[in-house]
N, C-alpha and C. Protein backbone atom coordinates (compact mmCIF):
# COMPACT_ATOMS: atom_id res chain seq x y z
N MET A 1 -0.44 -5.48 -19.59
CA MET A 1 -0.97 -6.88 -19.25
C MET A 1 -1.00 -6.48 -17.37
N ASN A 2 -0.18 -5.89 -16.66
CA ASN A 2 -0.50 -5.46 -15.13
C ASN A 2 -1.86 -4.99 -15.26
N TYR A 3 -2.41 -3.99 -16.10
CA TYR A 3 -3.38 -3.18 -15.81
C TYR A 3 -4.53 -4.16 -16.04
N LEU A 4 -4.56 -4.92 -16.95
CA LEU A 4 -5.64 -6.13 -17.52
C LEU A 4 -5.91 -6.94 -16.11
N LEU A 5 -4.89 -7.61 -15.64
CA LEU A 5 -4.50 -8.27 -14.47
C LEU A 5 -5.47 -7.90 -13.36
N ILE A 6 -4.93 -6.85 -13.12
CA ILE A 6 -5.84 -5.67 -11.80
C ILE A 6 -7.41 -5.37 -12.03
N GLU A 7 -7.62 -5.28 -13.49
CA GLU A 7 -8.87 -4.56 -13.65
C GLU A 7 -10.04 -6.05 -13.82
N ALA A 8 -9.04 -6.91 -14.21
CA ALA A 8 -10.36 -8.19 -14.18
C ALA A 8 -10.39 -8.63 -12.65
N LEU A 9 -9.34 -8.41 -11.82
CA LEU A 9 -9.66 -9.01 -10.05
C LEU A 9 -10.59 -7.97 -9.73
N GLU A 10 -10.79 -6.68 -10.04
CA GLU A 10 -11.76 -5.80 -9.61
C GLU A 10 -12.84 -6.15 -10.05
N ARG A 11 -12.97 -6.56 -11.45
CA ARG A 11 -14.15 -7.04 -11.81
C ARG A 11 -14.96 -8.25 -11.20
N TYR A 12 -14.00 -9.21 -11.26
CA TYR A 12 -14.39 -10.42 -10.39
C TYR A 12 -14.91 -10.21 -8.66
N HIS A 13 -14.15 -9.29 -8.40
CA HIS A 13 -14.54 -8.97 -7.15
C HIS A 13 -16.00 -8.59 -6.88
N HIS A 14 -16.35 -7.36 -8.05
CA HIS A 14 -17.61 -6.86 -8.08
C HIS A 14 -18.61 -7.93 -8.37
N TYR A 15 -18.61 -9.11 -8.82
CA TYR A 15 -19.20 -10.30 -8.88
C TYR A 15 -19.60 -11.03 -7.90
N TRP A 16 -18.23 -11.62 -7.31
CA TRP A 16 -18.16 -12.38 -6.21
C TRP A 16 -18.21 -11.81 -4.82
N GLY A 17 -18.02 -10.71 -4.88
CA GLY A 17 -17.91 -9.81 -3.47
C GLY A 17 -16.88 -10.19 -2.39
N ASP A 18 -17.32 -9.86 -1.28
CA ASP A 18 -16.30 -10.32 -0.18
C ASP A 18 -16.35 -11.55 0.04
N ASP A 19 -17.41 -12.53 -0.52
CA ASP A 19 -17.32 -13.82 0.01
C ASP A 19 -16.27 -15.04 -0.56
N LEU A 20 -15.76 -14.27 -1.87
CA LEU A 20 -14.61 -15.08 -2.16
C LEU A 20 -13.26 -14.48 -1.74
N GLN A 21 -12.69 -15.66 -0.67
CA GLN A 21 -11.24 -15.17 0.01
C GLN A 21 -10.30 -15.84 -0.59
N LEU A 22 -9.23 -15.58 -0.83
CA LEU A 22 -8.06 -16.49 -1.55
C LEU A 22 -6.92 -16.07 -0.61
N GLU A 23 -5.94 -17.20 -0.38
CA GLU A 23 -4.67 -16.96 0.41
C GLU A 23 -3.68 -15.88 -0.70
N PHE A 24 -3.15 -14.92 -0.15
CA PHE A 24 -2.56 -13.79 -0.85
C PHE A 24 -1.23 -13.56 0.21
N PRO A 25 -0.17 -13.51 -0.12
CA PRO A 25 0.68 -14.10 -0.94
C PRO A 25 0.50 -15.66 -0.76
N THR A 26 0.53 -16.56 -1.73
CA THR A 26 0.60 -18.02 -1.70
C THR A 26 1.52 -18.44 -0.45
N GLY A 27 1.01 -19.24 0.33
CA GLY A 27 1.81 -19.62 1.64
C GLY A 27 1.76 -18.67 2.97
N SER A 28 1.39 -17.74 2.96
CA SER A 28 1.18 -16.72 3.89
C SER A 28 0.23 -17.14 4.87
N GLY A 29 -0.91 -17.55 4.44
CA GLY A 29 -1.95 -18.38 5.59
C GLY A 29 -3.03 -16.81 5.50
N ASN A 30 -2.70 -15.65 4.85
CA ASN A 30 -3.36 -14.33 4.79
C ASN A 30 -4.35 -14.35 3.99
N LEU A 31 -5.50 -14.44 4.01
CA LEU A 31 -6.92 -14.42 3.29
C LEU A 31 -7.19 -12.86 2.95
N MET A 32 -7.74 -12.62 1.61
CA MET A 32 -7.85 -11.49 1.22
C MET A 32 -8.77 -11.70 0.07
N ASN A 33 -9.93 -10.73 -0.20
CA ASN A 33 -10.55 -11.00 -1.24
C ASN A 33 -10.03 -10.46 -2.41
N LEU A 34 -11.07 -10.38 -3.74
CA LEU A 34 -10.14 -10.11 -4.75
C LEU A 34 -9.75 -8.61 -4.97
N LYS A 35 -10.61 -7.68 -4.39
CA LYS A 35 -10.56 -6.32 -4.61
C LYS A 35 -9.15 -6.06 -3.92
N GLN A 36 -8.81 -6.59 -2.33
CA GLN A 36 -7.76 -6.41 -2.11
C GLN A 36 -6.68 -6.74 -2.44
N ILE A 37 -6.60 -7.91 -3.12
CA ILE A 37 -5.43 -8.61 -4.16
C ILE A 37 -5.29 -7.76 -4.75
N ALA A 38 -6.15 -7.35 -5.83
CA ALA A 38 -6.04 -6.17 -6.98
C ALA A 38 -5.18 -5.21 -6.20
N HIS A 39 -5.44 -4.53 -5.10
CA HIS A 39 -4.82 -3.42 -4.59
C HIS A 39 -3.48 -3.39 -3.94
N GLU A 40 -3.15 -4.96 -3.50
CA GLU A 40 -2.03 -5.14 -3.47
C GLU A 40 -0.72 -5.26 -4.60
N ILE A 41 -1.41 -5.69 -5.59
CA ILE A 41 -0.48 -6.06 -6.56
C ILE A 41 -0.24 -4.38 -7.34
N ALA A 42 -1.43 -3.92 -7.33
CA ALA A 42 -1.12 -2.41 -8.02
C ALA A 42 0.00 -1.64 -7.13
N ARG A 43 -0.24 -1.69 -5.72
CA ARG A 43 0.87 -1.05 -4.70
C ARG A 43 2.18 -1.70 -4.91
N ARG A 44 2.22 -3.27 -5.28
CA ARG A 44 3.93 -3.69 -5.49
C ARG A 44 4.16 -2.93 -6.79
N LEU A 45 3.40 -2.92 -7.76
CA LEU A 45 3.77 -2.56 -9.08
C LEU A 45 4.35 -1.28 -9.02
N THR A 46 3.83 -0.63 -8.44
CA THR A 46 4.07 1.21 -8.26
C THR A 46 5.12 1.34 -7.41
N ASN A 47 5.28 0.40 -6.48
CA ASN A 47 6.65 0.67 -5.81
C ASN A 47 7.77 0.24 -6.61
N LEU A 48 7.71 -0.51 -7.38
CA LEU A 48 8.97 -0.54 -8.25
C LEU A 48 9.73 0.51 -8.85
N PHE A 49 8.89 1.44 -8.97
CA PHE A 49 9.05 2.83 -9.71
C PHE A 49 9.25 3.95 -8.84
N LEU A 50 8.89 3.89 -7.44
CA LEU A 50 8.83 4.83 -6.97
C LEU A 50 10.22 4.96 -6.05
N PRO A 51 10.87 6.02 -5.95
CA PRO A 51 12.38 6.18 -5.00
C PRO A 51 12.16 5.50 -3.47
N ASP A 52 13.45 4.93 -3.06
CA ASP A 52 13.29 4.66 -1.92
C ASP A 52 13.95 5.72 -1.13
N GLU A 53 14.41 5.39 0.42
CA GLU A 53 14.63 6.58 1.20
C GLU A 53 16.41 7.09 0.57
N ASN A 54 17.10 6.52 -0.21
CA ASN A 54 18.18 6.79 -0.76
C ASN A 54 17.84 7.35 -2.28
N GLY A 55 16.60 7.50 -2.60
CA GLY A 55 16.41 8.09 -4.12
C GLY A 55 16.58 7.17 -5.29
N ARG A 56 17.03 5.99 -4.94
CA ARG A 56 17.37 4.91 -5.85
C ARG A 56 15.81 4.08 -6.09
N ARG A 57 15.44 3.72 -7.48
CA ARG A 57 14.49 3.11 -7.90
C ARG A 57 14.78 1.63 -8.00
N PRO A 58 13.75 0.69 -7.41
CA PRO A 58 14.06 -0.67 -8.00
C PRO A 58 13.98 -1.27 -9.18
N CYS A 59 13.42 -0.71 -9.68
CA CYS A 59 13.08 -0.92 -11.62
C CYS A 59 14.56 -0.60 -12.33
N PHE A 60 15.42 0.13 -11.80
CA PHE A 60 16.86 0.39 -12.36
C PHE A 60 17.73 -0.93 -11.90
N GLY A 61 17.38 -1.43 -10.77
CA GLY A 61 18.17 -2.04 -10.11
C GLY A 61 19.47 -1.45 -9.28
N ASP A 62 20.77 -2.03 -9.46
CA ASP A 62 21.87 -1.52 -9.10
C ASP A 62 23.10 -0.80 -9.80
N ASP A 63 22.23 -0.78 -11.01
CA ASP A 63 23.31 0.18 -12.21
C ASP A 63 23.16 1.68 -11.93
N PRO A 64 24.37 1.74 -11.75
CA PRO A 64 25.15 3.05 -11.29
C PRO A 64 24.64 4.29 -12.27
N ARG A 65 24.38 3.92 -13.59
CA ARG A 65 23.82 5.02 -15.00
C ARG A 65 22.67 5.55 -14.27
N TYR A 66 21.92 4.89 -13.54
CA TYR A 66 20.36 5.42 -13.02
C TYR A 66 19.88 5.70 -11.97
N ALA A 67 21.36 6.07 -11.00
CA ALA A 67 21.30 6.39 -9.60
C ALA A 67 20.98 7.61 -9.34
N THR A 68 21.03 8.65 -10.53
CA THR A 68 21.17 9.77 -10.15
C THR A 68 19.89 10.54 -11.08
N ILE A 69 18.94 9.58 -12.07
CA ILE A 69 17.94 10.22 -12.89
C ILE A 69 16.75 10.88 -12.11
N ARG A 70 16.52 12.16 -12.24
CA ARG A 70 15.43 12.24 -11.69
C ARG A 70 13.92 12.39 -12.57
N ILE A 71 13.23 11.70 -12.23
CA ILE A 71 11.84 11.65 -13.14
C ILE A 71 10.64 12.49 -12.78
N GLY A 72 10.16 13.49 -13.64
CA GLY A 72 8.94 14.10 -13.28
C GLY A 72 9.42 15.28 -11.87
N ARG A 73 10.17 15.77 -11.88
CA ARG A 73 10.88 16.71 -10.86
C ARG A 73 11.45 17.88 -11.39
N THR A 74 11.23 18.00 -12.82
CA THR A 74 11.79 19.29 -13.29
C THR A 74 10.72 20.54 -13.24
N SER A 75 11.15 22.11 -13.25
CA SER A 75 10.40 22.98 -13.00
C SER A 75 9.86 23.19 -14.48
N SER A 76 8.73 23.77 -14.89
CA SER A 76 8.08 24.22 -15.98
C SER A 76 8.91 25.01 -16.88
N SER A 77 10.07 26.09 -16.35
CA SER A 77 10.89 26.92 -17.39
C SER A 77 12.01 25.98 -17.75
N SER A 78 12.51 25.15 -17.10
CA SER A 78 13.29 23.90 -17.64
C SER A 78 12.98 23.21 -18.94
N THR A 79 11.66 22.80 -18.48
CA THR A 79 11.06 21.74 -19.46
C THR A 79 10.74 22.55 -20.98
N SER A 80 9.91 23.79 -20.67
CA SER A 80 9.85 24.67 -21.72
C SER A 80 11.54 24.79 -22.45
N THR A 81 12.50 25.23 -21.72
CA THR A 81 13.55 25.75 -22.31
C THR A 81 14.15 24.54 -23.13
N SER A 82 14.05 23.44 -22.57
CA SER A 82 14.70 22.13 -22.81
C SER A 82 13.97 22.03 -24.39
N ALA A 83 12.56 21.97 -24.34
CA ALA A 83 11.85 21.52 -25.56
C ALA A 83 12.08 22.60 -26.95
N GLU A 84 12.40 23.89 -26.17
CA GLU A 84 12.46 24.90 -27.42
C GLU A 84 13.90 24.60 -28.00
N SER A 85 14.96 23.91 -27.40
CA SER A 85 16.43 23.80 -27.77
C SER A 85 16.25 22.56 -28.71
N ARG A 86 15.36 21.54 -28.57
CA ARG A 86 15.02 20.66 -29.55
C ARG A 86 14.52 20.78 -30.48
N GLY A 87 13.63 22.03 -30.74
CA GLY A 87 13.00 22.67 -31.93
C GLY A 87 11.79 22.23 -31.91
N VAL A 88 11.21 21.99 -30.66
CA VAL A 88 9.53 21.58 -30.46
C VAL A 88 9.01 22.80 -30.00
N ASP A 89 7.72 23.27 -30.42
CA ASP A 89 7.07 24.36 -29.62
C ASP A 89 6.33 23.86 -28.60
N SER A 90 5.26 24.61 -28.14
CA SER A 90 4.54 24.37 -26.78
C SER A 90 3.49 23.59 -27.21
N ALA A 91 3.10 23.44 -28.25
CA ALA A 91 1.91 22.28 -28.54
C ALA A 91 2.80 21.00 -29.08
N ARG A 92 3.68 20.85 -28.89
CA ARG A 92 4.60 19.76 -29.31
C ARG A 92 4.55 19.22 -30.69
N ARG A 93 4.51 20.27 -31.72
CA ARG A 93 4.87 20.37 -32.80
C ARG A 93 6.05 20.39 -33.51
N ILE A 94 6.72 19.78 -33.98
CA ILE A 94 8.18 19.93 -34.84
C ILE A 94 8.38 21.30 -35.83
N ARG A 95 8.93 21.80 -35.11
CA ARG A 95 9.04 23.58 -36.24
C ARG A 95 9.83 23.11 -37.22
N PRO A 96 9.82 23.57 -38.52
CA PRO A 96 10.80 23.36 -39.48
C PRO A 96 12.19 23.93 -39.18
N ALA A 97 13.16 22.88 -39.81
CA ALA A 97 14.55 23.41 -39.55
C ALA A 97 15.00 24.78 -39.49
N GLY A 98 14.56 25.41 -40.50
CA GLY A 98 15.29 26.97 -40.54
C GLY A 98 14.54 27.86 -39.53
N ARG A 99 13.61 27.51 -38.70
CA ARG A 99 12.99 28.26 -37.66
C ARG A 99 13.63 28.00 -36.05
N ARG A 100 14.56 28.53 -35.72
CA ARG A 100 14.91 27.82 -34.26
C ARG A 100 15.18 29.19 -33.52
């Protein structure tokens, strides 16, 4: 849904250009064109999933269970070992149960 909103704003900017200026965020007095608004919304959404200076991600809130999760920072050797231990080969096909 977020992707569709950002894509629509960019398409409307393509049509209207820089002439259409809207206040964003509402009540700020800051005027932006639709492309700038789309970029700002995308930046805000992305920041929900990026770790802060303490390594915590806003999308997880204050839940301590997720405080130490590391996403996307594994080495290729640990990933392949983990996949092999689950019975998945490098092509991501499940191997028969007797062949581990």
